[in-house]
Amino acid sequence: MTALVIAEHDNASIKGATFNTVTAAAACGGEVHVLVAGANAAEAAKQASQIAGVSKVLLADSPALGEQLAENVAAQVLAVAGSYSHILFPATAHGKNVAPRVAAKLDVAQISEISKVDSPDTFERPIYAGNAIATVQSTDKVKVITVRATGFDAAAASGGSAAVENVNAVADSGSSSFVGREVTKSDRPELTAAKIIVSGGRALGSSDKFNEVLTPLADKLGAALGASRAAVDAGYAPNDWQVGQTGKIVAPQLYIAAGISGAIQHLAGMKDSKVIVAINKDPEAPIFSVADYGLEADLFAAVPELVNAL
């Protein structure tokens, strides 16, 4: 029994969610192999070979795989899938784009966003915005799985010494082409990888107030900025800052929620954070039910005081 992890990377380095996916793959039993499909991706493959617990890295290197088009990556996965009992993807936008295509071609049911491995054929996954946990058993010969990164510790980035094996890359499918990419650039940590996140809600009232109140705190802490869906929908914060069921799932060491009431959709995205601090003037706000530390106060007074104290 061998598991194959589909690495998420930028051709030069392995992205964080891959390390958590390796941990999930190891829990399935047997060896863990990693597929790096890209163009000029030898450096990414080298990094993958150093991940603790990985016994082999497959490198498929071709211009057709350089932009990670889902059709081509799925075809590459299928080309090497024959000897694997488990095929695991990070439950990121990229993983969710490729995994269903692989599952459909293999004629198996996809097992989505697992948060725990009970046995090689039984997994746990959150449902109803994380308010219930479903235990799913699969009898399919091949398990195609997406992994919720916050449910598993990251495998160590060093300590491994896996062999890198070059495999034949698939030809371009011709069914899609890369047109362009708009990437948000920021000096702050990427939201899903940040150790500290400062998030704001609709109570901030405007984008100007959002930046005026929360940016100094984030700067002091070296934190990423996040937002509730209500704040994003109101135009106070950009869409890629959204934390929640329909945004990004995060689990930082410290999560500070300012002016966020705590709708279940938001809680589903951050309640696995190690320490949660809530600042809200409504004593009945649901966010206090998951907070480790709660401050019933006006955020416009409390946050500047906190910044000054730091």
Protein backbone atom coordinates (compact mmCIF):
# COMPACT_ATOMS: atom_id res chain seq x y z
CA MET A 1 0.00 0.00 0.00
CA THR A 2 1.55 3.27 -1.19
CA ALA A 3 0.18 6.82 -1.14
CA LEU A 4 0.91 9.49 -3.73
CA VAL A 5 0.86 13.15 -2.71
CA ILE A 6 0.41 15.70 -5.49
CA ALA A 7 2.75 18.53 -4.56
CA GLU A 8 1.62 22.12 -4.82
CA HIS A 9 4.54 24.28 -5.88
CA ASP A 10 5.70 27.23 -7.97
CA ASN A 11 8.38 25.21 -9.79
CA ALA A 12 11.02 26.59 -7.42
CA SER A 13 9.67 25.70 -3.99
CA ILE A 14 7.07 23.49 -2.33
CA LYS A 15 4.04 25.27 -0.89
CA GLY A 16 3.05 24.83 2.73
CA ALA A 17 -0.12 22.75 2.36
CA THR A 18 1.92 19.96 0.76
CA PHE A 19 3.71 19.28 4.06
CA ASN A 20 0.39 18.76 5.88
CA THR A 21 -0.79 16.49 3.08
CA VAL A 22 2.33 14.33 3.49
CA THR A 23 1.41 13.84 7.16
CA ALA A 24 -2.09 12.72 6.15
CA ALA A 25 -0.63 10.35 3.55
CA ALA A 26 1.70 8.79 6.13
CA ALA A 27 -1.32 8.14 8.38
CA CYS A 28 -2.86 6.03 5.61
CA GLY A 29 -0.08 3.48 6.07
CA GLY A 30 2.64 2.32 3.74
CA GLU A 31 5.13 4.41 1.79
CA VAL A 32 4.61 8.03 0.75
CA HIS A 33 5.61 9.20 -2.71
CA VAL A 34 5.33 12.77 -4.00
CA LEU A 35 4.61 13.85 -7.57
CA VAL A 36 6.10 17.16 -8.67
CA ALA A 37 4.57 18.09 -12.04
CA GLY A 38 5.94 21.30 -13.50
CA ALA A 39 8.46 22.98 -15.80
CA ASN A 40 12.08 23.46 -14.73
CA ALA A 41 10.93 22.13 -11.37
CA ALA A 42 14.08 20.30 -10.30
CA GLU A 43 14.53 22.59 -7.30
CA ALA A 44 10.97 21.91 -6.12
CA ALA A 45 11.60 18.18 -6.52
CA LYS A 46 14.79 18.48 -4.48
CA GLN A 47 12.84 20.18 -1.67
CA ALA A 48 10.19 17.47 -1.84
CA SER A 49 12.87 14.79 -1.49
CA GLN A 50 13.95 16.34 1.82
CA ILE A 51 10.50 16.17 3.43
CA ALA A 52 10.53 13.77 6.38
CA GLY A 53 8.61 10.57 5.65
CA VAL A 54 8.80 10.76 1.85
CA SER A 55 10.45 7.71 0.25
CA LYS A 56 10.33 8.68 -3.44
CA VAL A 57 9.75 11.78 -5.55
CA LEU A 58 8.42 11.56 -9.11
CA LEU A 59 9.42 14.51 -11.28
CA ALA A 60 7.43 15.17 -14.45
CA ASP A 61 9.07 18.13 -16.17
CA SER A 62 7.52 19.68 -19.25
CA PRO A 63 6.51 23.12 -20.55
CA ALA A 64 2.95 21.78 -20.71
CA LEU A 65 2.95 21.50 -16.91
CA GLY A 66 4.57 24.84 -16.19
CA GLU A 67 1.37 26.76 -15.45
CA GLN A 68 -0.31 23.90 -13.59
CA LEU A 69 -3.35 23.75 -15.87
CA ALA A 70 -5.78 21.33 -14.28
CA GLU A 71 -6.34 19.26 -17.43
CA ASN A 72 -2.64 18.60 -17.90
CA VAL A 73 -1.85 17.97 -14.24
CA ALA A 74 -4.79 15.55 -13.96
CA ALA A 75 -3.53 13.66 -17.03
CA GLN A 76 -0.07 13.46 -15.44
CA VAL A 77 -1.50 12.09 -12.20
CA LEU A 78 -3.47 9.48 -14.13
CA ALA A 79 -0.34 8.48 -16.03
CA VAL A 80 1.38 7.40 -12.80
CA ALA A 81 -1.67 6.44 -10.72
CA GLY A 82 -1.66 2.72 -11.45
CA SER A 83 0.42 1.52 -8.50
CA TYR A 84 -1.09 3.71 -5.76
CA SER A 85 -3.81 2.92 -3.24
CA HIS A 86 -4.25 6.56 -2.13
CA ILE A 87 -3.87 9.78 -4.14
CA LEU A 88 -3.91 12.88 -1.96
CA PHE A 89 -4.16 16.56 -2.85
CA PRO A 90 -4.08 19.61 -0.57
CA ALA A 91 -7.61 21.03 -0.30
CA THR A 92 -6.54 24.30 -1.90
CA ALA A 93 -7.95 25.99 -5.00
CA HIS A 94 -5.42 24.07 -7.09
CA GLY A 95 -6.05 20.72 -5.43
CA LYS A 96 -9.81 21.11 -5.67
CA ASN A 97 -9.42 21.88 -9.37
CA VAL A 98 -7.46 18.73 -10.20
CA ALA A 99 -8.74 16.06 -7.77
CA PRO A 100 -12.32 15.74 -9.15
CA ARG A 101 -10.95 15.22 -12.65
CA VAL A 102 -8.72 12.40 -11.42
CA ALA A 103 -11.53 10.78 -9.40
CA ALA A 104 -13.93 10.94 -12.36
CA LYS A 105 -11.42 9.34 -14.75
CA LEU A 106 -10.70 6.58 -12.21
CA ASP A 107 -14.46 6.14 -11.67
CA VAL A 108 -14.16 6.47 -7.90
CA ALA A 109 -15.77 8.73 -5.32
CA GLN A 110 -13.66 11.65 -4.17
CA ILE A 111 -13.25 11.99 -0.39
CA SER A 112 -13.15 15.71 0.27
CA GLU A 113 -11.38 17.79 2.91
CA ILE A 114 -10.48 15.08 5.38
CA SER A 115 -9.35 16.24 8.81
CA LYS A 116 -8.36 12.85 10.25
CA VAL A 117 -7.36 9.37 9.09
CA ASP A 118 -8.98 6.63 11.19
CA SER A 119 -7.70 3.76 9.05
CA PRO A 120 -6.54 3.25 5.45
CA ASP A 121 -10.16 3.20 4.25
CA THR A 122 -11.91 5.37 6.88
CA PHE A 123 -11.63 9.13 7.22
CA GLU A 124 -13.22 12.02 9.11
CA ARG A 125 -14.33 15.24 7.46
CA PRO A 126 -16.21 18.30 8.74
CA ILE A 127 -19.75 18.98 7.50
CA TYR A 128 -22.38 21.64 8.24
CA ALA A 129 -19.75 24.40 8.50
CA GLY A 130 -17.72 22.29 10.88
CA ASN A 131 -20.56 21.75 13.35
CA ALA A 132 -20.54 18.00 12.76
CA ILE A 133 -17.90 15.47 11.76
CA ALA A 134 -18.76 12.76 9.25
CA THR A 135 -16.90 9.45 9.28
CA VAL A 136 -16.56 8.19 5.71
CA GLN A 137 -15.52 4.68 4.71
CA SER A 138 -14.52 3.98 1.11
CA THR A 139 -14.47 0.60 -0.58
CA ASP A 140 -12.98 1.98 -3.79
CA LYS A 141 -9.71 0.37 -4.84
CA VAL A 142 -8.09 3.82 -5.13
CA LYS A 143 -8.89 6.56 -2.66
CA VAL A 144 -8.77 10.06 -4.17
CA ILE A 145 -8.59 12.48 -1.26
CA THR A 146 -8.31 16.21 -0.62
CA VAL A 147 -6.75 17.12 2.72
CA ARG A 148 -7.74 20.04 4.94
CA ALA A 149 -4.31 21.30 5.94
CA THR A 150 -5.45 22.64 9.32
CA GLY A 151 -6.35 19.10 10.41
CA PHE A 152 -2.79 17.79 10.21
CA ASP A 153 0.59 18.94 11.48
CA ALA A 154 3.08 19.81 8.78
CA ALA A 155 5.74 17.21 8.04
CA ALA A 156 9.29 18.40 8.69
CA ALA A 157 10.79 20.12 5.66
CA SER A 158 14.16 18.48 6.26
CA GLY A 159 15.39 15.11 7.40
CA GLY A 160 14.30 13.09 4.39
CA SER A 161 16.54 11.73 1.65
CA ALA A 162 14.18 10.37 -0.98
CA ALA A 163 15.34 9.48 -4.46
CA VAL A 164 14.10 11.69 -7.30
CA GLU A 165 12.87 9.67 -10.27
CA ASN A 166 12.15 11.33 -13.62
CA VAL A 167 8.93 10.14 -15.24
CA ASN A 168 7.62 10.74 -18.75
CA ALA A 169 5.61 13.95 -18.89
CA VAL A 170 2.25 13.96 -20.66
CA ALA A 171 1.65 16.00 -23.79
CA ASP A 172 -0.41 19.17 -23.67
CA SER A 173 -4.09 18.20 -23.70
CA GLY A 174 -4.94 21.16 -25.93
CA SER A 175 -8.22 21.65 -24.09
CA SER A 176 -7.11 24.78 -22.21
CA SER A 177 -4.41 27.40 -22.47
CA PHE A 178 -2.76 29.80 -20.06
CA VAL A 179 -3.75 33.41 -20.72
CA GLY A 180 -2.50 35.35 -17.70
CA ARG A 181 -2.35 35.53 -13.96
CA GLU A 182 -2.99 38.41 -11.59
CA VAL A 183 -1.21 37.85 -8.30
CA THR A 184 -1.76 39.94 -5.20
CA LYS A 185 1.60 41.01 -3.82
CA SER A 186 2.03 41.90 -0.17
CA ASP A 187 4.81 42.35 2.34
CA ARG A 188 2.65 40.51 4.86
CA PRO A 189 2.62 36.74 5.37
CA GLU A 190 0.26 34.77 3.13
CA LEU A 191 -3.01 34.26 5.01
CA THR A 192 -3.08 30.46 5.13
CA ALA A 193 0.59 30.27 6.15
CA ALA A 194 0.61 33.10 8.72
CA LYS A 195 1.32 32.33 12.38
CA ILE A 196 -0.63 35.41 13.51
CA ILE A 197 -3.77 36.83 11.87
CA VAL A 198 -5.63 40.01 12.69
CA SER A 199 -9.17 39.94 11.26
CA GLY A 200 -11.86 42.58 11.11
CA GLY A 201 -15.59 42.51 10.62
CA ARG A 202 -18.41 44.71 9.41
CA ALA A 203 -18.33 46.70 12.67
CA LEU A 204 -15.29 48.60 11.36
CA GLY A 205 -17.66 50.54 9.11
CA SER A 206 -15.40 51.39 6.15
CA SER A 207 -12.23 50.38 4.35
CA ASP A 208 -10.51 53.49 5.71
CA LYS A 209 -11.31 52.53 9.29
CA PHE A 210 -10.34 48.92 8.57
CA ASN A 211 -6.85 50.03 7.57
CA GLU A 212 -6.58 52.79 10.16
CA VAL A 213 -7.46 50.55 13.11
CA LEU A 214 -6.15 47.10 12.20
CA THR A 215 -3.03 47.79 10.12
CA PRO A 216 -1.00 49.22 13.06
CA LEU A 217 -1.81 46.12 15.14
CA ALA A 218 -0.88 43.77 12.29
CA ASP A 219 2.36 45.72 11.77
CA LYS A 220 3.27 45.43 15.46
CA LEU A 221 2.65 41.67 15.47
CA GLY A 222 4.03 40.87 12.01
CA ALA A 223 0.60 39.45 11.24
CA ALA A 224 -1.48 38.79 8.15
CA LEU A 225 -4.74 40.68 7.75
CA GLY A 226 -8.03 38.82 7.40
CA ALA A 227 -11.70 39.71 7.22
CA SER A 228 -15.15 38.26 7.65
CA ARG A 229 -17.34 37.73 4.61
CA ALA A 230 -19.55 40.62 5.72
CA ALA A 231 -16.55 42.96 5.68
CA VAL A 232 -15.46 41.70 2.26
CA ASP A 233 -18.98 41.97 0.82
CA ALA A 234 -19.20 45.54 2.14
CA GLY A 235 -15.97 46.41 0.34
CA TYR A 236 -13.90 47.03 3.48
CA ALA A 237 -11.31 44.39 2.57
CA PRO A 238 -10.23 42.52 -0.59
CA ASN A 239 -11.67 39.12 -1.38
CA ASP A 240 -8.40 37.24 -0.80
CA TRP A 241 -8.50 38.30 2.87
CA GLN A 242 -11.76 36.45 3.54
CA VAL A 243 -11.64 33.84 6.29
CA GLY A 244 -14.48 31.33 6.55
CA GLN A 245 -16.33 28.49 4.93
CA THR A 246 -16.48 30.31 1.58
CA GLY A 247 -13.06 31.92 2.09
CA LYS A 248 -9.80 30.56 3.46
CA ILE A 249 -9.46 27.98 6.22
CA VAL A 250 -6.77 29.06 8.67
CA ALA A 251 -5.26 27.75 11.90
CA PRO A 252 -2.60 30.23 13.08
CA GLN A 253 -0.93 30.29 16.47
CA LEU A 254 -2.87 33.48 17.29
CA TYR A 255 -6.11 34.74 15.73
CA ILE A 256 -7.41 38.18 16.75
CA ALA A 257 -11.02 38.88 15.72
CA ALA A 258 -12.02 42.54 16.01
CA GLY A 259 -15.63 43.47 15.41
CA ILE A 260 -16.55 40.02 14.12
CA SER A 261 -19.81 38.61 15.47
CA GLY A 262 -18.85 35.02 14.69
CA ALA A 263 -21.36 33.58 12.22
CA ILE A 264 -20.94 29.83 11.83
CA GLN A 265 -19.51 30.29 8.33
CA HIS A 266 -16.68 32.41 9.77
CA LEU A 267 -16.09 30.11 12.74
CA ALA A 268 -15.71 27.18 10.34
CA GLY A 269 -12.69 28.93 8.85
CA MET A 270 -10.75 29.80 12.02
CA LYS A 271 -11.89 27.82 15.04
CA ASP A 272 -8.88 25.48 14.83
CA SER A 273 -6.58 28.42 15.64
CA LYS A 274 -4.37 27.69 18.65
CA VAL A 275 -5.30 30.89 20.55
CA ILE A 276 -8.34 33.02 19.66
CA VAL A 277 -8.78 36.56 20.94
CA ALA A 278 -12.14 38.26 20.37
CA ILE A 279 -12.87 41.97 20.74
CA ASN A 280 -16.55 42.86 20.47
CA LYS A 281 -18.90 45.18 22.32
CA ASP A 282 -21.80 42.71 22.03
CA PRO A 283 -21.63 40.32 25.01
CA GLU A 284 -23.85 37.83 23.12
CA ALA A 285 -21.60 37.64 20.06
CA PRO A 286 -21.08 33.97 19.05
CA ILE A 287 -17.35 34.59 18.59
CA PHE A 288 -16.97 34.55 22.38
CA SER A 289 -18.05 30.88 22.43
CA VAL A 290 -14.83 29.82 20.69
CA ALA A 291 -12.51 32.53 22.02
CA ASP A 292 -9.75 31.71 24.51
CA TYR A 293 -9.69 35.38 25.51
CA GLY A 294 -12.66 37.71 25.09
CA LEU A 295 -12.75 41.47 25.54
CA GLU A 296 -16.18 43.10 25.66
CA ALA A 297 -15.24 46.56 24.45
CA ASP A 298 -15.47 49.07 21.62
CA LEU A 299 -12.79 47.99 19.14
CA PHE A 300 -12.10 51.61 18.14
CA ALA A 301 -10.85 52.22 21.68
CA ALA A 302 -9.49 48.78 22.56
CA VAL A 303 -7.35 48.11 19.48
CA PRO A 304 -5.39 51.42 19.61
CA GLU A 305 -4.81 50.80 23.36
CA LEU A 306 -3.50 47.34 22.55
CA VAL A 307 -1.17 48.78 19.90
CA ASN A 308 0.16 51.33 22.37
CA ALA A 309 0.70 48.61 25.00
CA LEU A 310 2.72 46.57 22.51
